[in-house]
Amino acid sequence: MPFSAPLRGEIWTAGVVVALDQLAKATVRSSLELHESVEVIPHFFSLTRVHNYGAAFGLMNAVDFPMKTALLSVVAAIALAALAWYGATLPDHQRFARAGLALVIGGAAGNLIDRLGAGYVVDFVDLYWSGWHFWAFNVADAAITVGVSLMILDMLEIGRRRVSGTV
């Protein structure tokens, strides 16, 4: 069964996110040693290579248990499949939700590729200011964050056009 035009666009969006994420991570792997840091904007932004063996925001990073990588990978794969199924059911008029879900799926797939291939996710965007330090993240994480934001905007019905004849 051929994909509709909007669905093709979302598949492309997810694919571009995966490609950009994997390209950025390959560049970081070839340019920086683990924990090596290059300051880009003084006192605000560095590129720092770290490995996340846990879940989002480094949750469970320091926790070690048998089959941790396999368990996190299976959970991520199931969530990815559920998101793809849900995305295929969204009506065309929910543009923000569809675009957001494409970004989330692309980001989740990018991080899953790392986890399956290396057992960890490469993070490298390091933001900090005046004693405050954000978790290191990557292109996939940024896409997921923007995607969830778009989905929230959709739930708030921001950006939806009113269809004539409906209340």
C-alpha atoms as a PDB file:
ATOM      1  CA  MET A   1       0.000   0.000   0.000  1.00  0.00           C
ATOM      2  CA  PRO A   2       1.569   3.334  -1.040  1.00  0.00           C
ATOM      3  CA  PHE A   3       2.042   6.030   1.582  1.00  0.00           C
ATOM      4  CA  SER A   4       0.019   9.246   1.432  1.00  0.00           C
ATOM      5  CA  ALA A   5       1.878  12.486   0.631  1.00  0.00           C
ATOM      6  CA  PRO A   6       1.850  13.734   4.258  1.00  0.00           C
ATOM      7  CA  LEU A   7       3.108  10.372   5.533  1.00  0.00           C
ATOM      8  CA  ARG A   8       5.909  10.352   2.961  1.00  0.00           C
ATOM      9  CA  GLY A   9       6.957  13.785   4.238  1.00  0.00           C
ATOM     10  CA  GLU A  10       7.052  12.503   7.801  1.00  0.00           C
ATOM     11  CA  ILE A  11       9.092   9.467   6.796  1.00  0.00           C
ATOM     12  CA  TRP A  12      11.559  11.802   5.092  1.00  0.00           C
ATOM     13  CA  THR A  13      11.658  14.053   8.160  1.00  0.00           C
ATOM     14  CA  ALA A  14      12.424  11.124  10.453  1.00  0.00           C
ATOM     15  CA  GLY A  15      15.065   9.871   8.016  1.00  0.00           C
ATOM     16  CA  VAL A  16      16.774  13.266   7.832  1.00  0.00           C
ATOM     17  CA  VAL A  17      16.874  13.446  11.648  1.00  0.00           C
ATOM     18  CA  VAL A  18      18.486   9.987  11.811  1.00  0.00           C
ATOM     19  CA  ALA A  19      21.032  10.918   9.114  1.00  0.00           C
ATOM     20  CA  LEU A  20      21.984  14.260  10.732  1.00  0.00           C
ATOM     21  CA  ASP A  21      22.192  12.652  14.167  1.00  0.00           C
ATOM     22  CA  GLN A  22      24.406   9.794  13.006  1.00  0.00           C
ATOM     23  CA  LEU A  23      26.623  12.164  10.972  1.00  0.00           C
ATOM     24  CA  ALA A  24      27.113  14.452  13.988  1.00  0.00           C
ATOM     25  CA  LYS A  25      27.882  11.522  16.279  1.00  0.00           C
ATOM     26  CA  ALA A  26      30.366  10.027  13.768  1.00  0.00           C
ATOM     27  CA  THR A  27      32.111  13.391  13.598  1.00  0.00           C
ATOM     28  CA  VAL A  28      32.289  13.582  17.396  1.00  0.00           C
ATOM     29  CA  ARG A  29      33.578   9.990  17.662  1.00  0.00           C
ATOM     30  CA  SER A  30      36.348  10.720  15.149  1.00  0.00           C
ATOM     31  CA  SER A  31      37.255  14.141  16.584  1.00  0.00           C
ATOM     32  CA  LEU A  32      36.969  13.895  20.372  1.00  0.00           C
ATOM     33  CA  GLU A  33      38.135  11.359  22.916  1.00  0.00           C
ATOM     34  CA  LEU A  34      35.752  10.375  25.716  1.00  0.00           C
ATOM     35  CA  HIS A  35      35.311  13.391  28.062  1.00  0.00           C
ATOM     36  CA  GLU A  36      37.376  15.633  25.777  1.00  0.00           C
ATOM     37  CA  SER A  37      35.871  19.092  25.463  1.00  0.00           C
ATOM     38  CA  VAL A  38      36.219  21.955  22.993  1.00  0.00           C
ATOM     39  CA  GLU A  39      34.867  25.334  24.093  1.00  0.00           C
ATOM     40  CA  VAL A  40      32.728  26.909  21.359  1.00  0.00           C
ATOM     41  CA  ILE A  41      31.187  29.881  23.221  1.00  0.00           C
ATOM     42  CA  PRO A  42      33.124  30.731  26.386  1.00  0.00           C
ATOM     43  CA  HIS A  43      31.212  30.141  29.638  1.00  0.00           C
ATOM     44  CA  PHE A  44      28.167  28.856  27.749  1.00  0.00           C
ATOM     45  CA  PHE A  45      28.663  26.099  25.138  1.00  0.00           C
ATOM     46  CA  SER A  46      31.213  23.348  24.566  1.00  0.00           C
ATOM     47  CA  LEU A  47      31.363  20.190  22.520  1.00  0.00           C
ATOM     48  CA  THR A  48      32.097  17.464  25.058  1.00  0.00           C
ATOM     49  CA  ARG A  49      32.004  13.760  24.235  1.00  0.00           C
ATOM     50  CA  VAL A  50      30.202  11.698  26.841  1.00  0.00           C
ATOM     51  CA  HIS A  51      28.602   8.253  26.730  1.00  0.00           C
ATOM     52  CA  ASN A  52      25.111   7.754  28.122  1.00  0.00           C
ATOM     53  CA  TYR A  53      24.617   4.144  29.213  1.00  0.00           C
ATOM     54  CA  GLY A  54      21.246   4.981  30.746  1.00  0.00           C
ATOM     55  CA  ALA A  55      17.948   6.376  29.553  1.00  0.00           C
ATOM     56  CA  ALA A  56      16.890   9.985  28.902  1.00  0.00           C
ATOM     57  CA  PHE A  57      18.799  12.652  30.832  1.00  0.00           C
ATOM     58  CA  GLY A  58      21.253  10.001  32.003  1.00  0.00           C
ATOM     59  CA  LEU A  59      18.662   8.257  34.171  1.00  0.00           C
ATOM     60  CA  MET A  60      20.041   4.880  35.233  1.00  0.00           C
ATOM     61  CA  ASN A  61      23.453   5.839  33.814  1.00  0.00           C
ATOM     62  CA  ALA A  62      25.253   4.805  36.997  1.00  0.00           C
ATOM     63  CA  VAL A  63      22.990   1.802  37.663  1.00  0.00           C
ATOM     64  CA  ASP A  64      24.381  -1.480  36.416  1.00  0.00           C
ATOM     65  CA  PHE A  65      22.388  -4.681  36.062  1.00  0.00           C
ATOM     66  CA  PRO A  66      22.533  -7.692  33.748  1.00  0.00           C
ATOM     67  CA  MET A  67      21.159  -7.103  30.246  1.00  0.00           C
ATOM     68  CA  LYS A  68      20.680  -3.354  30.891  1.00  0.00           C
ATOM     69  CA  THR A  69      21.547  -2.401  27.296  1.00  0.00           C
ATOM     70  CA  ALA A  70      19.293  -5.132  25.898  1.00  0.00           C
ATOM     71  CA  LEU A  71      16.395  -4.099  28.144  1.00  0.00           C
ATOM     72  CA  LEU A  72      16.728  -0.400  27.275  1.00  0.00           C
ATOM     73  CA  SER A  73      16.980  -1.296  23.580  1.00  0.00           C
ATOM     74  CA  VAL A  74      13.869  -3.481  23.660  1.00  0.00           C
ATOM     75  CA  VAL A  75      11.876  -0.807  25.506  1.00  0.00           C
ATOM     76  CA  ALA A  76      13.051   1.820  23.000  1.00  0.00           C
ATOM     77  CA  ALA A  77      12.194  -0.406  20.024  1.00  0.00           C
ATOM     78  CA  ILE A  78       8.701  -1.116  21.367  1.00  0.00           C
ATOM     79  CA  ALA A  79       8.128   2.587  22.037  1.00  0.00           C
ATOM     80  CA  LEU A  80       9.383   3.439  18.548  1.00  0.00           C
ATOM     81  CA  ALA A  81       7.009   0.932  16.947  1.00  0.00           C
ATOM     82  CA  ALA A  82       4.087   2.235  19.027  1.00  0.00           C
ATOM     83  CA  LEU A  83       4.883   5.827  18.036  1.00  0.00           C
ATOM     84  CA  ALA A  84       5.055   4.880  14.355  1.00  0.00           C
ATOM     85  CA  TRP A  85       1.714   3.082  14.579  1.00  0.00           C
ATOM     86  CA  TYR A  86       0.154   6.064  16.385  1.00  0.00           C
ATOM     87  CA  GLY A  87       1.603   8.475  13.821  1.00  0.00           C
ATOM     88  CA  ALA A  88       0.034   6.512  10.979  1.00  0.00           C
ATOM     89  CA  THR A  89      -3.389   6.988  12.612  1.00  0.00           C
ATOM     90  CA  LEU A  90      -3.183  10.771  13.011  1.00  0.00           C
ATOM     91  CA  PRO A  91      -5.460  12.752  10.693  1.00  0.00           C
ATOM     92  CA  ASP A  92      -3.800  15.004   8.102  1.00  0.00           C
ATOM     93  CA  HIS A  93      -5.116  18.193   9.736  1.00  0.00           C
ATOM     94  CA  GLN A  94      -3.026  17.561  12.868  1.00  0.00           C
ATOM     95  CA  ARG A  95       0.064  18.970  11.176  1.00  0.00           C
ATOM     96  CA  PHE A  96       1.967  19.920  14.350  1.00  0.00           C
ATOM     97  CA  ALA A  97       1.366  16.511  15.908  1.00  0.00           C
ATOM     98  CA  ARG A  98       2.421  14.696  12.735  1.00  0.00           C
ATOM     99  CA  ALA A  99       5.573  16.806  12.316  1.00  0.00           C
ATOM    100  CA  GLY A 100       6.375  16.500  16.000  1.00  0.00           C
ATOM    101  CA  LEU A 101       5.931  12.758  15.962  1.00  0.00           C
ATOM    102  CA  ALA A 102       8.217  12.481  12.915  1.00  0.00           C
ATOM    103  CA  LEU A 103      10.929  14.349  14.844  1.00  0.00           C
ATOM    104  CA  VAL A 104      10.421  12.158  17.931  1.00  0.00           C
ATOM    105  CA  ILE A 105      10.578   8.972  15.844  1.00  0.00           C
ATOM    106  CA  GLY A 106      13.724  10.142  14.037  1.00  0.00           C
ATOM    107  CA  GLY A 107      15.398  11.062  17.323  1.00  0.00           C
ATOM    108  CA  ALA A 108      14.413   7.834  19.032  1.00  0.00           C
ATOM    109  CA  ALA A 109      15.688   5.831  16.055  1.00  0.00           C
ATOM    110  CA  GLY A 110      18.994   7.727  16.063  1.00  0.00           C
ATOM    111  CA  ASN A 111      19.587   6.986  19.727  1.00  0.00           C
ATOM    112  CA  LEU A 112      18.477   3.360  19.301  1.00  0.00           C
ATOM    113  CA  ILE A 113      21.066   2.895  16.541  1.00  0.00           C
ATOM    114  CA  ASP A 114      23.774   4.020  19.001  1.00  0.00           C
ATOM    115  CA  ARG A 115      22.501   1.798  21.794  1.00  0.00           C
ATOM    116  CA  LEU A 116      22.321  -1.273  19.541  1.00  0.00           C
ATOM    117  CA  GLY A 117      25.687  -0.608  17.901  1.00  0.00           C
ATOM    118  CA  ALA A 118      27.792   0.532  20.853  1.00  0.00           C
ATOM    119  CA  GLY A 119      25.765  -0.150  24.001  1.00  0.00           C
ATOM    120  CA  TYR A 120      25.544   3.573  24.778  1.00  0.00           C
ATOM    121  CA  VAL A 121      24.389   6.850  23.242  1.00  0.00           C
ATOM    122  CA  VAL A 122      26.948   9.512  22.300  1.00  0.00           C
ATOM    123  CA  ASP A 123      26.071  12.942  23.699  1.00  0.00           C
ATOM    124  CA  PHE A 124      28.123  16.037  22.967  1.00  0.00           C
ATOM    125  CA  VAL A 125      26.201  19.329  23.218  1.00  0.00           C
ATOM    126  CA  ASP A 126      27.292  20.763  26.556  1.00  0.00           C
ATOM    127  CA  LEU A 127      25.458  23.909  27.768  1.00  0.00           C
ATOM    128  CA  TYR A 128      26.338  25.690  31.020  1.00  0.00           C
ATOM    129  CA  TRP A 129      26.245  29.117  32.613  1.00  0.00           C
ATOM    130  CA  SER A 130      27.294  30.544  35.972  1.00  0.00           C
ATOM    131  CA  GLY A 131      27.455  27.275  37.908  1.00  0.00           C
ATOM    132  CA  TRP A 132      24.422  25.775  36.155  1.00  0.00           C
ATOM    133  CA  HIS A 133      25.093  22.800  33.886  1.00  0.00           C
ATOM    134  CA  PHE A 134      22.513  21.169  31.605  1.00  0.00           C
ATOM    135  CA  TRP A 135      22.692  17.472  30.702  1.00  0.00           C
ATOM    136  CA  ALA A 136      24.781  16.803  27.616  1.00  0.00           C
ATOM    137  CA  PHE A 137      22.598  15.942  24.633  1.00  0.00           C
ATOM    138  CA  ASN A 138      22.767  15.266  20.896  1.00  0.00           C
ATOM    139  CA  VAL A 139      20.889  15.977  17.650  1.00  0.00           C
ATOM    140  CA  ALA A 140      18.426  13.137  18.323  1.00  0.00           C
ATOM    141  CA  ASP A 141      17.610  14.514  21.788  1.00  0.00           C
ATOM    142  CA  ALA A 142      17.070  18.003  20.335  1.00  0.00           C
ATOM    143  CA  ALA A 143      14.719  16.580  17.680  1.00  0.00           C
ATOM    144  CA  ILE A 144      12.765  14.711  20.356  1.00  0.00           C
ATOM    145  CA  THR A 145      12.438  17.883  22.442  1.00  0.00           C
ATOM    146  CA  VAL A 146      11.251  19.984  19.494  1.00  0.00           C
ATOM    147  CA  GLY A 147       8.918  17.179  18.411  1.00  0.00           C
ATOM    148  CA  VAL A 148       7.289  16.870  21.832  1.00  0.00           C
ATOM    149  CA  SER A 149       6.900  20.664  21.917  1.00  0.00           C
ATOM    150  CA  LEU A 150       5.091  20.574  18.573  1.00  0.00           C
ATOM    151  CA  MET A 151       2.828  17.796  19.838  1.00  0.00           C
ATOM    152  CA  ILE A 152       1.960  19.862  22.918  1.00  0.00           C
ATOM    153  CA  LEU A 153       1.139  22.834  20.680  1.00  0.00           C
ATOM    154  CA  ASP A 154      -1.126  20.542  18.684  1.00  0.00           C
ATOM    155  CA  MET A 155      -2.896  19.368  21.854  1.00  0.00           C
ATOM    156  CA  LEU A 156      -3.467  23.032  22.715  1.00  0.00           C
ATOM    157  CA  GLU A 157      -4.838  23.422  19.173  1.00  0.00           C
ATOM    158  CA  ILE A 158      -2.292  26.102  18.323  1.00  0.00           C
ATOM    159  CA  GLY A 159      -1.700  26.225  14.588  1.00  0.00           C
ATOM    160  CA  ARG A 160      -4.859  24.371  13.620  1.00  0.00           C
ATOM    161  CA  ARG A 161      -7.152  25.958  11.107  1.00  0.00           C
ATOM    162  CA  ARG A 162     -10.817  25.926  11.884  1.00  0.00           C
ATOM    163  CA  VAL A 163     -12.768  23.847   9.408  1.00  0.00           C
ATOM    164  CA  SER A 164     -15.910  25.618   8.236  1.00  0.00           C
ATOM    165  CA  GLY A 165     -19.097  24.169   9.601  1.00  0.00           C
ATOM    166  CA  THR A 166     -17.520  22.896  12.817  1.00  0.00           C
ATOM    167  CA  VAL A 167     -17.650  24.399  16.253  1.00  0.00           C
END
